[in-house]
């Protein structure tokens, strides 16, 4: 992939992720359980979608978008914890993608994804992301309730990813209808 295209993918992914993060905060901040642990987290769908579409370039964009967002949050004061959590945000969907392909035998070609395989991919992604994030926060002493935070983060990532993926699917179907007649 040409460097110019990769740079555009990384930049746009970072901006879209940050934008969805702020919109999520406006819409669902009342459902926050703890910093970074939300009952509904729509940006998780952006993480998964961009990693499916753009692979490691999408993951890098997620890392940069996570850093942009994290350093705006006054509740997050430890730069190392924040930086590694941002890296996890980008690496977790990439790792989940590899788990889907090599262990769960899910074809990650977007044309071959069925509703069932997409649901399994979302479950794997949500589990991997929540586990890695909560292990990191617990290790850094930033999570007083790692098990409940894991469950809530898992649910929030799952709900957010399904929302984004099915909203995207509905938009594509509507576009096809409009173009078709």
Protein backbone atom coordinates (compact mmCIF):
# COMPACT_ATOMS: atom_id res chain seq x y z
CA UNK A 1 0.00 0.00 0.00
CA UNK A 2 1.42 3.42 -0.89
CA UNK A 3 2.53 5.53 2.06
CA UNK A 4 0.09 8.30 1.15
CA UNK A 5 -2.88 5.90 1.30
CA UNK A 6 -1.69 4.36 4.56
CA UNK A 7 -1.25 7.82 6.09
CA UNK A 8 -4.76 8.78 5.04
CA UNK A 9 -6.21 5.56 6.50
CA UNK A 10 -4.38 6.07 9.79
CA UNK A 11 -5.40 9.73 10.04
CA UNK A 12 -9.03 9.21 9.10
CA UNK A 13 -9.33 6.20 11.40
CA UNK A 14 -7.91 8.25 14.30
CA UNK A 15 -10.33 11.11 13.64
CA UNK A 16 -13.37 8.85 13.19
CA UNK A 17 -12.51 6.93 16.37
CA UNK A 18 -12.05 10.14 18.38
CA UNK A 19 -15.27 11.57 16.95
CA UNK A 20 -17.26 8.47 17.87
CA UNK A 21 -15.68 8.50 21.33
CA UNK A 22 -16.87 12.05 21.99
CA UNK A 23 -20.34 11.33 20.56
CA UNK A 24 -20.53 8.22 22.76
CA UNK A 25 -19.67 10.39 25.77
CA UNK A 26 -22.42 12.86 24.90
CA UNK A 27 -25.04 10.17 24.38
CA UNK A 28 -24.13 7.58 26.99
CA UNK A 29 -21.96 9.19 29.70
CA UNK A 30 -24.78 8.58 32.15
CA UNK A 31 -24.01 4.86 31.69
CA UNK A 32 -20.31 5.15 32.58
CA UNK A 33 -19.29 2.65 35.23
CA UNK A 34 -15.69 3.82 35.65
CA UNK A 35 -13.19 5.76 33.52
CA UNK A 36 -12.93 3.81 30.27
CA UNK A 37 -15.58 1.26 31.35
CA UNK A 38 -18.94 1.95 29.75
CA UNK A 39 -22.15 -0.04 29.42
CA UNK A 40 -22.44 1.11 25.80
CA UNK A 41 -19.27 1.87 23.85
CA UNK A 42 -19.94 2.65 20.19
CA UNK A 43 -16.25 3.30 19.34
CA UNK A 44 -15.62 -0.43 19.77
CA UNK A 45 -17.47 -0.91 16.49
CA UNK A 46 -15.10 1.57 14.87
CA UNK A 47 -12.16 -0.42 16.28
CA UNK A 48 -13.42 -3.68 14.86
CA UNK A 49 -14.59 -2.28 11.52
CA UNK A 50 -11.38 -0.39 10.80
CA UNK A 51 -9.25 -3.37 11.75
CA UNK A 52 -11.32 -5.62 9.49
CA UNK A 53 -11.07 -3.17 6.62
CA UNK A 54 -7.53 -1.86 6.99
CA UNK A 55 -5.64 -4.36 9.16
CA UNK A 56 -2.60 -2.99 10.95
CA UNK A 57 -3.04 0.49 9.44
CA UNK A 58 -6.52 0.66 10.98
CA UNK A 59 -5.09 -0.55 14.29
CA UNK A 60 -2.46 2.20 14.20
CA UNK A 61 -5.20 4.76 13.58
CA UNK A 62 -7.09 3.42 16.59
CA UNK A 63 -3.96 3.78 18.74
CA UNK A 64 -3.52 7.40 17.64
CA UNK A 65 -7.22 8.17 18.10
CA UNK A 66 -7.12 6.60 21.56
CA UNK A 67 -4.13 8.74 22.49
CA UNK A 68 -5.91 11.88 21.24
CA UNK A 69 -8.93 11.04 23.37
CA UNK A 70 -7.07 9.83 26.46
CA UNK A 71 -4.93 12.89 26.91
CA UNK A 72 -8.08 15.04 26.81
CA UNK A 73 -9.58 13.21 29.80
CA UNK A 74 -8.60 14.88 33.10
CA UNK A 75 -9.47 11.67 35.03
CA UNK A 76 -6.56 9.85 33.40
CA UNK A 77 -3.38 11.14 34.99
CA UNK A 78 -0.78 8.38 34.54
CA UNK A 79 0.77 8.78 31.06
CA UNK A 80 2.22 5.24 30.92
CA UNK A 81 -1.11 3.63 31.83
CA UNK A 82 -2.88 5.78 29.25
CA UNK A 83 -0.33 5.11 26.51
CA UNK A 84 -0.37 1.34 26.96
CA UNK A 85 -4.19 1.31 27.16
CA UNK A 86 -4.23 3.19 23.83
CA UNK A 87 -1.91 0.59 22.29
CA UNK A 88 -4.17 -2.16 23.64
CA UNK A 89 -7.14 -0.43 21.99
CA UNK A 90 -5.49 -0.86 18.61
CA UNK A 91 -3.81 -4.21 19.18
CA UNK A 92 -6.84 -5.99 20.71
CA UNK A 93 -8.98 -5.95 17.53
CA UNK A 94 -5.96 -7.02 15.48
CA UNK A 95 -5.30 -9.89 17.89
CA UNK A 96 -9.01 -10.80 17.84
CA UNK A 97 -8.87 -10.83 14.04
CA UNK A 98 -6.01 -13.34 14.13
CA UNK A 99 -7.84 -15.47 16.71
CA UNK A 100 -10.90 -15.48 14.46
CA UNK A 101 -8.93 -16.55 11.42
CA UNK A 102 -6.55 -19.09 12.94
CA UNK A 103 -8.42 -20.54 15.93
CA UNK A 104 -12.11 -19.97 15.28
CA UNK A 105 -11.91 -20.59 11.51
CA UNK A 106 -13.85 -17.43 10.71
CA UNK A 107 -13.23 -16.07 7.24
CA UNK A 108 -12.45 -12.38 7.71
CA UNK A 109 -12.95 -11.55 4.05
CA UNK A 110 -15.77 -9.03 4.22
CA UNK A 111 -17.61 -10.73 1.36
CA UNK A 112 -17.54 -14.08 3.20
CA UNK A 113 -18.71 -12.79 6.59
CA UNK A 114 -22.10 -14.17 7.55
CA UNK A 115 -24.28 -12.88 10.37
CA UNK A 116 -23.16 -15.83 12.49
CA UNK A 117 -19.44 -15.37 11.82
CA UNK A 118 -19.75 -11.62 12.42
CA UNK A 119 -21.44 -12.27 15.77
CA UNK A 120 -18.66 -14.69 16.75
CA UNK A 121 -16.04 -12.14 15.69
CA UNK A 122 -17.71 -9.45 17.82
CA UNK A 123 -17.80 -11.82 20.82
CA UNK A 124 -14.12 -12.69 20.41
CA UNK A 125 -13.15 -9.03 19.93
CA UNK A 126 -15.15 -7.93 22.99
CA UNK A 127 -13.60 -10.62 25.17
CA UNK A 128 -10.03 -9.98 24.01
CA UNK A 129 -10.29 -6.21 24.38
CA UNK A 130 -11.96 -6.28 27.80
CA UNK A 131 -9.52 -8.91 29.11
CA UNK A 132 -6.39 -7.10 27.93
CA UNK A 133 -7.61 -3.71 29.15
CA UNK A 134 -8.64 -4.97 32.57
CA UNK A 135 -5.47 -7.00 33.11
CA UNK A 136 -3.46 -3.88 32.30
CA UNK A 137 -5.51 -1.59 34.56
CA UNK A 138 -5.44 -4.12 37.41
CA UNK A 139 -1.68 -4.55 37.06
CA UNK A 140 -1.25 -0.77 37.21
CA UNK A 141 -3.53 -0.53 40.26
CA UNK A 142 -6.10 1.48 38.30
CA UNK A 143 -9.00 -0.97 38.60
CA UNK A 144 -10.63 -1.54 41.96
CA UNK A 145 -13.10 -4.06 40.50
CA UNK A 146 -11.38 -5.86 37.59
CA UNK A 147 -13.94 -8.67 37.27
CA UNK A 148 -17.01 -6.45 37.20
CA UNK A 149 -15.16 -3.95 34.98
CA UNK A 150 -14.30 -6.81 32.60
CA UNK A 151 -17.94 -7.87 32.37
CA UNK A 152 -19.22 -4.33 31.86
CA UNK A 153 -16.50 -3.51 29.32
CA UNK A 154 -17.22 -6.77 27.49
CA UNK A 155 -20.92 -5.93 27.32
CA UNK A 156 -20.24 -2.30 26.30
CA UNK A 157 -17.84 -3.35 23.54
CA UNK A 158 -20.25 -6.04 22.36
CA UNK A 159 -23.25 -3.69 22.29
CA UNK A 160 -21.28 -0.87 20.66
CA UNK A 161 -19.74 -3.09 17.99
CA UNK A 162 -23.10 -4.64 17.12
CA UNK A 163 -24.68 -1.21 16.92
CA UNK A 164 -22.03 0.13 14.52
CA UNK A 165 -21.90 -3.00 12.37
CA UNK A 166 -25.65 -3.33 12.00
CA UNK A 167 -26.09 0.41 11.47
CA UNK A 168 -23.49 0.15 8.71
CA UNK A 169 -25.29 -2.83 7.26
CA UNK A 170 -28.60 -0.94 7.29
CA UNK A 171 -27.01 2.07 5.60
CA UNK A 172 -25.53 -0.14 2.89
CA UNK A 173 -28.90 -1.84 2.35
CA UNK A 174 -30.66 1.53 2.16
CA UNK A 175 -28.04 2.78 -0.30
CA UNK A 176 -28.57 -0.31 -2.46
CA UNK A 177 -32.33 0.28 -2.47
CA UNK A 178 -31.93 3.95 -3.36
CA UNK A 179 -29.52 3.15 -6.19
CA UNK A 180 -31.66 0.26 -7.38
CA UNK A 181 -34.83 2.21 -7.75
